[in-house]
């Protein structure tokens, strides 16, 4: 089992020195083809040049840190990325950062698992409050199997006025 907290502790100072925030660390894939994904974010997001520079800065730190070698033995490919529009929500800080957003939450239920969509109202150290179609509900973190923000396409996004659009008077 990989200790992502040890990896996160090793990369966080480098990420912070670049003016970004460490969003998440995860190890994906099979033992033969593993990817160490380091997701970072900043006040204005991240661009490709920033991701490339951070990848160059993180690689030697990960290679030279004995605790990382012990926590993440073997070969892996380093992937530095942004969390994206539809962000995985895993920690209380992730949920606090998504307050007011539409979220998809998969929870444990008596019949197995239940996935629902709603608006994230609040988040504390024990769980989240979500406004589902069926009403407001408190969901404990222990009952959350998966959660992510949902980017909604459609009329709400299209109806925002453009800076270049001018109104034409009707006749």
N, C-alpha and C. Protein backbone atom coordinates (compact mmCIF):
# COMPACT_ATOMS: atom_id res chain seq x y z
N UNK A 1 0.84 -1.18 0.00
CA UNK A 1 0.00 0.00 0.00
C UNK A 1 0.89 1.24 0.00
N UNK A 2 0.56 2.19 -0.82
CA UNK A 2 1.34 3.41 -0.96
C UNK A 2 0.88 4.43 0.08
N UNK A 3 1.85 5.06 0.72
CA UNK A 3 1.57 6.09 1.71
C UNK A 3 1.60 7.45 1.02
N UNK A 4 0.44 7.88 0.50
CA UNK A 4 0.41 9.14 -0.25
C UNK A 4 0.65 10.35 0.65
N UNK A 5 0.40 10.22 1.96
CA UNK A 5 0.67 11.33 2.86
C UNK A 5 2.16 11.64 2.92
N UNK A 6 3.01 10.61 2.88
CA UNK A 6 4.45 10.80 2.87
C UNK A 6 4.88 11.49 1.58
N UNK A 7 4.31 11.06 0.47
CA UNK A 7 4.61 11.68 -0.82
C UNK A 7 4.15 13.12 -0.81
N UNK A 8 2.94 13.37 -0.31
CA UNK A 8 2.40 14.74 -0.25
C UNK A 8 3.30 15.64 0.60
N UNK A 9 3.79 15.12 1.73
CA UNK A 9 4.68 15.91 2.59
C UNK A 9 5.97 16.28 1.88
N UNK A 10 6.44 15.39 1.01
CA UNK A 10 7.69 15.66 0.29
C UNK A 10 7.49 16.69 -0.83
N UNK A 11 6.35 16.65 -1.49
CA UNK A 11 6.15 17.55 -2.64
C UNK A 11 5.55 18.90 -2.24
N UNK A 12 4.87 18.97 -1.12
CA UNK A 12 4.16 20.20 -0.74
C UNK A 12 5.07 21.43 -0.67
N UNK A 13 6.27 21.36 -0.07
CA UNK A 13 7.12 22.56 -0.02
C UNK A 13 7.53 23.05 -1.42
N UNK A 14 7.75 22.14 -2.34
CA UNK A 14 8.12 22.52 -3.71
C UNK A 14 6.93 23.18 -4.40
N UNK A 15 5.75 22.61 -4.21
CA UNK A 15 4.53 23.17 -4.79
C UNK A 15 4.28 24.56 -4.22
N UNK A 16 4.39 24.71 -2.91
CA UNK A 16 4.16 26.01 -2.26
C UNK A 16 5.18 27.05 -2.74
N UNK A 17 6.43 26.64 -2.91
CA UNK A 17 7.47 27.56 -3.38
C UNK A 17 7.18 28.07 -4.78
N UNK A 18 6.39 27.32 -5.55
CA UNK A 18 6.03 27.76 -6.90
C UNK A 18 4.78 28.63 -6.89
N UNK A 19 4.24 28.91 -5.70
CA UNK A 19 3.06 29.77 -5.59
C UNK A 19 1.75 29.04 -5.80
N UNK A 20 1.78 27.71 -5.73
CA UNK A 20 0.58 26.92 -5.94
C UNK A 20 0.18 26.18 -4.68
N UNK A 21 -0.99 25.58 -4.72
CA UNK A 21 -1.49 24.76 -3.61
C UNK A 21 -1.53 23.31 -4.05
N UNK A 22 -1.12 22.42 -3.17
CA UNK A 22 -1.22 20.98 -3.44
C UNK A 22 -2.68 20.59 -3.23
N UNK A 23 -3.32 20.08 -4.28
CA UNK A 23 -4.73 19.69 -4.20
C UNK A 23 -4.87 18.23 -3.80
N UNK A 24 -4.09 17.36 -4.45
CA UNK A 24 -4.23 15.94 -4.17
C UNK A 24 -3.02 15.18 -4.69
N UNK A 25 -2.78 14.01 -4.11
CA UNK A 25 -1.74 13.09 -4.57
C UNK A 25 -2.38 11.71 -4.60
N UNK A 26 -2.21 11.00 -5.72
CA UNK A 26 -2.73 9.64 -5.80
C UNK A 26 -1.84 8.80 -6.70
N UNK A 27 -1.84 7.52 -6.44
CA UNK A 27 -1.08 6.57 -7.26
C UNK A 27 -2.09 5.70 -7.98
N UNK A 28 -1.98 5.68 -9.32
CA UNK A 28 -2.96 4.97 -10.14
C UNK A 28 -2.28 3.88 -10.96
N UNK A 29 -3.05 2.92 -11.41
CA UNK A 29 -2.54 1.91 -12.32
C UNK A 29 -2.09 0.64 -11.63
N UNK A 30 -1.54 -0.25 -12.45
CA UNK A 30 -1.07 -1.54 -11.97
C UNK A 30 0.40 -1.42 -11.57
N UNK A 31 0.95 -2.41 -10.86
CA UNK A 31 2.36 -2.33 -10.47
C UNK A 31 3.32 -2.17 -11.65
N UNK A 32 2.94 -2.63 -12.83
CA UNK A 32 3.82 -2.51 -14.00
C UNK A 32 3.70 -1.16 -14.70
N UNK A 33 2.59 -0.47 -14.52
CA UNK A 33 2.36 0.81 -15.21
C UNK A 33 1.66 1.78 -14.26
N UNK A 34 2.42 2.25 -13.27
CA UNK A 34 1.84 3.14 -12.27
C UNK A 34 2.09 4.60 -12.62
N UNK A 35 1.14 5.45 -12.22
CA UNK A 35 1.26 6.89 -12.41
C UNK A 35 1.07 7.56 -11.06
N UNK A 36 2.04 8.37 -10.67
CA UNK A 36 1.92 9.18 -9.46
C UNK A 36 1.38 10.53 -9.92
N UNK A 37 0.12 10.79 -9.62
CA UNK A 37 -0.53 12.02 -10.04
C UNK A 37 -0.49 13.04 -8.90
N UNK A 38 0.08 14.20 -9.20
CA UNK A 38 0.14 15.31 -8.26
C UNK A 38 -0.72 16.42 -8.84
N UNK A 39 -1.85 16.69 -8.21
CA UNK A 39 -2.76 17.73 -8.68
C UNK A 39 -2.51 19.01 -7.90
N UNK A 40 -2.32 20.11 -8.63
CA UNK A 40 -2.02 21.41 -8.02
C UNK A 40 -3.00 22.44 -8.55
N UNK A 41 -3.17 23.50 -7.78
CA UNK A 41 -4.07 24.58 -8.19
C UNK A 41 -3.51 25.90 -7.68
N UNK A 42 -3.96 26.96 -8.28
CA UNK A 42 -3.55 28.29 -7.87
C UNK A 42 -4.71 29.25 -7.99
N UNK A 43 -4.53 30.48 -7.54
CA UNK A 43 -5.63 31.44 -7.56
C UNK A 43 -6.18 31.67 -8.97
N UNK A 44 -5.32 31.57 -9.97
CA UNK A 44 -5.75 31.76 -11.36
C UNK A 44 -5.68 30.47 -12.14
N UNK A 45 -5.70 29.33 -11.46
CA UNK A 45 -5.54 28.05 -12.12
C UNK A 45 -4.09 27.78 -12.43
N UNK A 46 -3.84 26.84 -13.30
CA UNK A 46 -2.47 26.51 -13.71
C UNK A 46 -2.44 26.37 -15.23
N UNK A 47 -1.32 26.77 -15.80
CA UNK A 47 -1.17 26.62 -17.24
C UNK A 47 -0.11 25.56 -17.53
N UNK A 48 0.05 25.25 -18.80
CA UNK A 48 0.96 24.18 -19.20
C UNK A 48 2.41 24.47 -18.83
N UNK A 49 2.84 25.71 -18.96
CA UNK A 49 4.21 26.05 -18.61
C UNK A 49 4.47 25.85 -17.12
N UNK A 50 3.49 26.21 -16.31
CA UNK A 50 3.62 26.05 -14.85
C UNK A 50 3.69 24.57 -14.49
N UNK A 51 2.85 23.76 -15.11
CA UNK A 51 2.84 22.32 -14.86
C UNK A 51 4.17 21.70 -15.26
N UNK A 52 4.70 22.10 -16.42
CA UNK A 52 5.98 21.56 -16.89
C UNK A 52 7.12 21.94 -15.95
N UNK A 53 7.15 23.20 -15.52
CA UNK A 53 8.21 23.65 -14.61
C UNK A 53 8.12 22.93 -13.27
N UNK A 54 6.90 22.75 -12.78
CA UNK A 54 6.72 22.07 -11.50
C UNK A 54 7.11 20.59 -11.62
N UNK A 55 6.80 19.97 -12.72
CA UNK A 55 7.19 18.58 -12.93
C UNK A 55 8.71 18.45 -12.90
N UNK A 56 9.41 19.38 -13.54
CA UNK A 56 10.89 19.38 -13.53
C UNK A 56 11.43 19.58 -12.12
N UNK A 57 10.75 20.40 -11.33
CA UNK A 57 11.21 20.66 -9.96
C UNK A 57 10.90 19.49 -9.02
N UNK A 58 9.79 18.80 -9.24
CA UNK A 58 9.39 17.70 -8.34
C UNK A 58 10.16 16.41 -8.59
N UNK A 59 10.49 16.14 -9.82
CA UNK A 59 11.13 14.87 -10.15
C UNK A 59 12.39 14.59 -9.33
N UNK A 60 13.35 15.52 -9.24
CA UNK A 60 14.54 15.21 -8.44
C UNK A 60 14.25 15.11 -6.94
N UNK A 61 13.27 15.85 -6.46
CA UNK A 61 12.91 15.76 -5.04
C UNK A 61 12.35 14.38 -4.73
N UNK A 62 11.47 13.88 -5.60
CA UNK A 62 10.90 12.55 -5.38
C UNK A 62 11.98 11.47 -5.47
N UNK A 63 12.91 11.62 -6.42
CA UNK A 63 13.98 10.63 -6.59
C UNK A 63 14.96 10.62 -5.43
N UNK A 64 15.19 11.78 -4.80
CA UNK A 64 16.22 11.89 -3.77
C UNK A 64 15.70 11.75 -2.35
N UNK A 65 14.40 11.59 -2.17
CA UNK A 65 13.83 11.53 -0.81
C UNK A 65 13.61 10.08 -0.42
N UNK A 66 14.40 9.58 0.56
CA UNK A 66 14.27 8.17 0.97
C UNK A 66 12.87 7.80 1.46
N UNK A 67 12.20 8.72 2.13
CA UNK A 67 10.86 8.39 2.63
C UNK A 67 9.87 8.18 1.48
N UNK A 68 10.10 8.87 0.36
CA UNK A 68 9.24 8.67 -0.81
C UNK A 68 9.51 7.30 -1.43
N UNK A 69 10.77 6.92 -1.53
CA UNK A 69 11.12 5.60 -2.07
C UNK A 69 10.50 4.49 -1.23
N UNK A 70 10.47 4.68 0.09
CA UNK A 70 9.86 3.68 0.96
C UNK A 70 8.34 3.70 0.85
N UNK A 71 7.77 4.90 0.71
CA UNK A 71 6.31 5.04 0.64
C UNK A 71 5.75 4.63 -0.72
N UNK A 72 6.57 4.78 -1.75
CA UNK A 72 6.13 4.51 -3.12
C UNK A 72 7.21 3.70 -3.85
N UNK A 73 7.38 2.44 -3.46
CA UNK A 73 8.47 1.64 -4.04
C UNK A 73 8.21 1.31 -5.51
N UNK A 74 9.28 1.15 -6.23
CA UNK A 74 9.17 0.74 -7.63
C UNK A 74 9.09 1.92 -8.57
N UNK A 75 8.83 1.57 -9.83
CA UNK A 75 8.79 2.58 -10.88
C UNK A 75 7.39 3.19 -10.99
N UNK A 76 7.37 4.44 -11.42
CA UNK A 76 6.11 5.12 -11.68
C UNK A 76 6.39 6.27 -12.63
N UNK A 77 5.36 6.76 -13.25
CA UNK A 77 5.44 7.94 -14.10
C UNK A 77 4.85 9.10 -13.31
N UNK A 78 5.55 10.20 -13.25
CA UNK A 78 5.06 11.38 -12.55
C UNK A 78 4.16 12.17 -13.49
N UNK A 79 2.97 12.49 -13.01
CA UNK A 79 2.04 13.32 -13.77
C UNK A 79 1.65 14.50 -12.88
N UNK A 80 1.97 15.71 -13.32
CA UNK A 80 1.56 16.91 -12.60
C UNK A 80 0.41 17.51 -13.40
N UNK A 81 -0.69 17.82 -12.73
CA UNK A 81 -1.89 18.25 -13.40
C UNK A 81 -2.69 19.22 -12.54
N UNK A 82 -3.70 19.82 -13.12
CA UNK A 82 -4.65 20.61 -12.34
C UNK A 82 -5.79 19.68 -11.95
N UNK A 83 -6.57 20.04 -10.94
CA UNK A 83 -7.71 19.19 -10.58
C UNK A 83 -8.82 19.22 -11.63
N UNK A 84 -8.81 20.20 -12.52
CA UNK A 84 -9.81 20.28 -13.58
C UNK A 84 -11.12 20.90 -13.13
N UNK A 85 -12.05 21.00 -14.07
CA UNK A 85 -13.36 21.57 -13.77
C UNK A 85 -14.19 20.65 -12.89
N UNK A 86 -14.15 19.36 -13.19
CA UNK A 86 -14.87 18.39 -12.39
C UNK A 86 -13.86 17.73 -11.46
N UNK A 87 -13.77 18.31 -10.26
CA UNK A 87 -12.74 17.92 -9.30
C UNK A 87 -13.20 16.79 -8.39
N UNK A 88 -12.30 15.89 -8.16
CA UNK A 88 -12.54 14.83 -7.19
C UNK A 88 -12.54 15.47 -5.80
N UNK A 89 -13.51 15.13 -5.00
CA UNK A 89 -13.61 15.66 -3.63
C UNK A 89 -13.34 14.51 -2.68
N UNK A 90 -12.28 14.65 -1.90
CA UNK A 90 -11.87 13.55 -1.03
C UNK A 90 -11.70 13.98 0.41
N UNK A 91 -11.22 15.19 0.63
CA UNK A 91 -10.92 15.65 1.98
C UNK A 91 -11.91 16.75 2.40
N UNK A 92 -12.03 17.01 3.70
CA UNK A 92 -12.88 18.12 4.12
C UNK A 92 -12.49 19.45 3.45
N UNK A 93 -11.19 19.67 3.24
CA UNK A 93 -10.75 20.91 2.57
C UNK A 93 -11.25 20.96 1.13
N UNK A 94 -11.26 19.83 0.44
CA UNK A 94 -11.80 19.78 -0.93
C UNK A 94 -13.27 20.19 -0.92
N UNK A 95 -14.04 19.63 0.01
CA UNK A 95 -15.47 19.94 0.08
C UNK A 95 -15.68 21.41 0.44
N UNK A 96 -14.89 21.94 1.38
CA UNK A 96 -15.03 23.36 1.75
C UNK A 96 -14.74 24.26 0.56
N UNK A 97 -13.80 23.86 -0.28
CA UNK A 97 -13.46 24.65 -1.46
C UNK A 97 -14.53 24.60 -2.55
N UNK A 98 -15.47 23.68 -2.43
CA UNK A 98 -16.51 23.52 -3.45
C UNK A 98 -17.88 23.97 -2.97
N UNK A 99 -17.94 24.71 -1.87
CA UNK A 99 -19.24 25.16 -1.35
C UNK A 99 -20.01 25.94 -2.41
N UNK A 100 -21.29 25.62 -2.54
CA UNK A 100 -22.14 26.27 -3.52
C UNK A 100 -22.14 25.59 -4.87
N UNK A 101 -21.22 24.67 -5.10
CA UNK A 101 -21.12 23.99 -6.40
C UNK A 101 -22.10 22.82 -6.48
N UNK A 102 -22.42 22.45 -7.71
CA UNK A 102 -23.17 21.23 -7.93
C UNK A 102 -22.19 20.07 -7.79
N UNK A 103 -22.59 19.06 -7.03
CA UNK A 103 -21.73 17.91 -6.78
C UNK A 103 -22.46 16.62 -7.09
N UNK A 104 -21.70 15.62 -7.48
CA UNK A 104 -22.21 14.26 -7.65
C UNK A 104 -21.62 13.47 -6.49
N UNK A 105 -22.49 12.84 -5.71
CA UNK A 105 -22.05 12.12 -4.52
C UNK A 105 -22.56 10.69 -4.58
N UNK A 106 -21.63 9.74 -4.50
CA UNK A 106 -21.98 8.32 -4.44
C UNK A 106 -21.84 7.89 -3.00
N UNK A 107 -22.93 7.41 -2.40
CA UNK A 107 -22.93 7.06 -0.98
C UNK A 107 -23.33 5.60 -0.78
N UNK A 108 -22.96 5.10 0.39
CA UNK A 108 -23.40 3.77 0.79
C UNK A 108 -24.90 3.85 1.09
N UNK A 109 -25.61 2.82 0.69
CA UNK A 109 -27.03 2.76 1.04
C UNK A 109 -27.38 1.31 1.35
N UNK A 110 -28.57 1.11 1.85
CA UNK A 110 -28.99 -0.24 2.23
C UNK A 110 -28.96 -1.19 1.03
N UNK A 111 -29.24 -0.68 -0.16
CA UNK A 111 -29.27 -1.52 -1.35
C UNK A 111 -27.96 -1.55 -2.10
N UNK A 112 -26.90 -1.00 -1.56
CA UNK A 112 -25.60 -0.96 -2.23
C UNK A 112 -25.05 0.45 -2.25
N UNK A 113 -25.01 1.04 -3.44
CA UNK A 113 -24.49 2.39 -3.58
C UNK A 113 -25.53 3.25 -4.30
N UNK A 114 -25.57 4.51 -3.94
CA UNK A 114 -26.54 5.44 -4.51
C UNK A 114 -25.80 6.69 -4.96
N UNK A 115 -25.94 7.06 -6.24
CA UNK A 115 -25.31 8.28 -6.76
C UNK A 115 -26.40 9.32 -6.97
N UNK A 116 -26.16 10.51 -6.38
CA UNK A 116 -27.11 11.60 -6.53
C UNK A 116 -26.36 12.90 -6.79
N UNK A 117 -27.08 13.86 -7.33
CA UNK A 117 -26.53 15.17 -7.65
C UNK A 117 -27.27 16.21 -6.83
N UNK A 118 -26.51 17.20 -6.34
CA UNK A 118 -27.13 18.26 -5.57
C UNK A 118 -26.18 19.42 -5.39
N UNK A 119 -26.62 20.39 -4.61
CA UNK A 119 -25.82 21.59 -4.34
C UNK A 119 -25.16 21.45 -2.97
N UNK A 120 -23.85 21.66 -2.92
CA UNK A 120 -23.11 21.51 -1.67
C UNK A 120 -23.34 22.75 -0.80
N UNK A 121 -23.99 22.57 0.33
CA UNK A 121 -24.36 23.68 1.21
C UNK A 121 -23.29 23.99 2.25
N UNK A 122 -22.73 22.95 2.86
CA UNK A 122 -21.72 23.16 3.90
C UNK A 122 -20.87 21.90 4.05
N UNK A 123 -19.72 22.10 4.71
CA UNK A 123 -18.81 20.98 4.98
C UNK A 123 -18.11 21.26 6.29
N UNK A 124 -18.06 20.25 7.15
CA UNK A 124 -17.33 20.37 8.40
C UNK A 124 -16.41 19.16 8.53
N UNK A 125 -15.89 18.92 9.71
CA UNK A 125 -14.95 17.81 9.88
C UNK A 125 -15.62 16.44 9.88
N UNK A 126 -16.96 16.39 10.01
CA UNK A 126 -17.68 15.12 10.07
C UNK A 126 -18.35 14.73 8.76
N UNK A 127 -18.76 15.74 7.98
CA UNK A 127 -19.49 15.42 6.76
C UNK A 127 -19.94 16.67 6.02
N UNK A 128 -20.86 16.46 5.09
CA UNK A 128 -21.32 17.54 4.23
C UNK A 128 -22.84 17.65 4.30
N UNK A 129 -23.34 18.83 3.99
CA UNK A 129 -24.77 19.05 3.82
C UNK A 129 -25.00 19.35 2.34
N UNK A 130 -25.92 18.59 1.74
CA UNK A 130 -26.18 18.71 0.32
C UNK A 130 -27.68 18.91 0.11
N UNK A 131 -28.03 19.81 -0.80
CA UNK A 131 -29.43 19.99 -1.18
C UNK A 131 -29.69 19.13 -2.41
N UNK A 132 -30.33 17.98 -2.18
CA UNK A 132 -30.72 17.08 -3.26
C UNK A 132 -32.14 17.44 -3.68
N UNK A 133 -32.63 16.84 -4.76
CA UNK A 133 -34.01 17.07 -5.20
C UNK A 133 -35.00 16.66 -4.11
N UNK A 134 -34.62 15.69 -3.31
CA UNK A 134 -35.50 15.16 -2.26
C UNK A 134 -35.41 15.98 -0.96
N UNK A 135 -34.54 17.00 -0.92
CA UNK A 135 -34.39 17.83 0.27
C UNK A 135 -32.95 17.88 0.75
N UNK A 136 -32.73 18.66 1.79
CA UNK A 136 -31.39 18.81 2.35
C UNK A 136 -31.04 17.57 3.18
N UNK A 137 -29.78 17.15 3.07
CA UNK A 137 -29.37 15.95 3.78
C UNK A 137 -27.93 16.10 4.26
N UNK A 138 -27.66 15.63 5.48
CA UNK A 138 -26.29 15.58 6.00
C UNK A 138 -25.72 14.21 5.65
N UNK A 139 -24.55 14.20 5.02
CA UNK A 139 -23.89 12.95 4.63
C UNK A 139 -22.55 12.89 5.34
N UNK A 140 -22.34 11.83 6.11
CA UNK A 140 -21.06 11.65 6.80
C UNK A 140 -19.99 11.24 5.80
N UNK A 141 -18.76 11.71 6.01
CA UNK A 141 -17.66 11.34 5.11
C UNK A 141 -17.48 9.83 5.03
N UNK A 142 -17.73 9.12 6.13
CA UNK A 142 -17.60 7.66 6.13
C UNK A 142 -18.56 6.99 5.15
N UNK A 143 -19.66 7.68 4.81
CA UNK A 143 -20.64 7.12 3.90
C UNK A 143 -20.42 7.53 2.45
N UNK A 144 -19.47 8.44 2.20
CA UNK A 144 -19.18 8.89 0.84
C UNK A 144 -18.19 7.93 0.20
N UNK A 145 -18.61 7.30 -0.89
CA UNK A 145 -17.74 6.41 -1.64
C UNK A 145 -16.95 7.18 -2.68
N UNK A 146 -17.60 8.13 -3.35
CA UNK A 146 -16.97 9.00 -4.34
C UNK A 146 -17.74 10.30 -4.38
N UNK A 147 -17.01 11.38 -4.69
CA UNK A 147 -17.68 12.67 -4.86
C UNK A 147 -16.83 13.52 -5.80
N UNK A 148 -17.51 14.35 -6.58
CA UNK A 148 -16.81 15.26 -7.47
C UNK A 148 -17.73 16.45 -7.77
N UNK A 149 -17.10 17.54 -8.19
CA UNK A 149 -17.89 18.68 -8.64
C UNK A 149 -18.41 18.36 -10.04
N UNK A 150 -19.47 19.03 -10.43
CA UNK A 150 -20.08 18.81 -11.74
C UNK A 150 -20.10 20.14 -12.48
N UNK A 151 -19.49 20.17 -13.65
CA UNK A 151 -19.54 21.35 -14.49
C UNK A 151 -20.80 21.24 -15.34
N UNK A 152 -21.65 22.25 -15.25
CA UNK A 152 -22.92 22.19 -15.97
C UNK A 152 -22.86 23.03 -17.24
N UNK A 153 -23.03 22.35 -18.37
CA UNK A 153 -23.11 23.02 -19.66
C UNK A 153 -24.56 23.41 -19.88
N UNK A 154 -24.79 24.34 -20.75
CA UNK A 154 -26.17 24.60 -21.13
C UNK A 154 -26.54 26.06 -21.07
N UNK A 155 -27.85 26.32 -21.03
CA UNK A 155 -28.36 27.68 -21.13
C UNK A 155 -27.81 28.64 -20.07
N UNK A 156 -27.57 28.16 -18.86
CA UNK A 156 -27.06 29.05 -17.81
C UNK A 156 -25.70 29.60 -18.22
N UNK A 157 -24.85 28.76 -18.77
CA UNK A 157 -23.53 29.20 -19.21
C UNK A 157 -23.64 30.04 -20.48
N UNK A 158 -24.55 29.68 -21.39
CA UNK A 158 -24.69 30.39 -22.65
C UNK A 158 -25.41 31.72 -22.50
N UNK A 159 -26.20 31.87 -21.44
CA UNK A 159 -27.00 33.09 -21.31
C UNK A 159 -26.21 34.26 -20.72
N UNK A 160 -25.00 34.00 -20.24
CA UNK A 160 -24.20 35.10 -19.73
C UNK A 160 -23.82 36.03 -20.87
N UNK A 161 -23.95 37.34 -20.67
CA UNK A 161 -23.64 38.26 -21.77
C UNK A 161 -22.15 38.25 -22.11
N UNK A 162 -21.88 38.35 -23.38
CA UNK A 162 -20.51 38.42 -23.87
C UNK A 162 -20.06 39.87 -23.89
N UNK A 163 -18.78 40.10 -23.68
CA UNK A 163 -18.26 41.46 -23.72
C UNK A 163 -18.28 42.04 -25.13
N UNK A 164 -18.27 41.17 -26.12
CA UNK A 164 -18.22 41.64 -27.50
C UNK A 164 -19.60 41.73 -28.14
N UNK A 165 -20.61 41.22 -27.49
CA UNK A 165 -21.95 41.23 -28.05
C UNK A 165 -22.60 42.60 -27.80
N UNK A 166 -23.17 43.15 -28.84
CA UNK A 166 -23.92 44.40 -28.70
C UNK A 166 -25.37 44.12 -28.98
N UNK A 167 -26.22 44.82 -28.28
CA UNK A 167 -27.64 44.65 -28.52
C UNK A 167 -28.04 45.46 -29.74
N UNK A 168 -28.86 44.85 -30.57
CA UNK A 168 -29.37 45.51 -31.76
C UNK A 168 -30.80 45.94 -31.44
N UNK A 169 -31.12 47.23 -31.61
CA UNK A 169 -32.49 47.67 -31.29
C UNK A 169 -33.50 47.00 -32.23
N UNK A 170 -34.64 46.65 -31.67
CA UNK A 170 -35.69 46.04 -32.50
C UNK A 170 -36.43 47.13 -33.25
N UNK A 171 -37.05 46.74 -34.36
CA UNK A 171 -37.75 47.73 -35.19
C UNK A 171 -39.20 47.74 -34.93
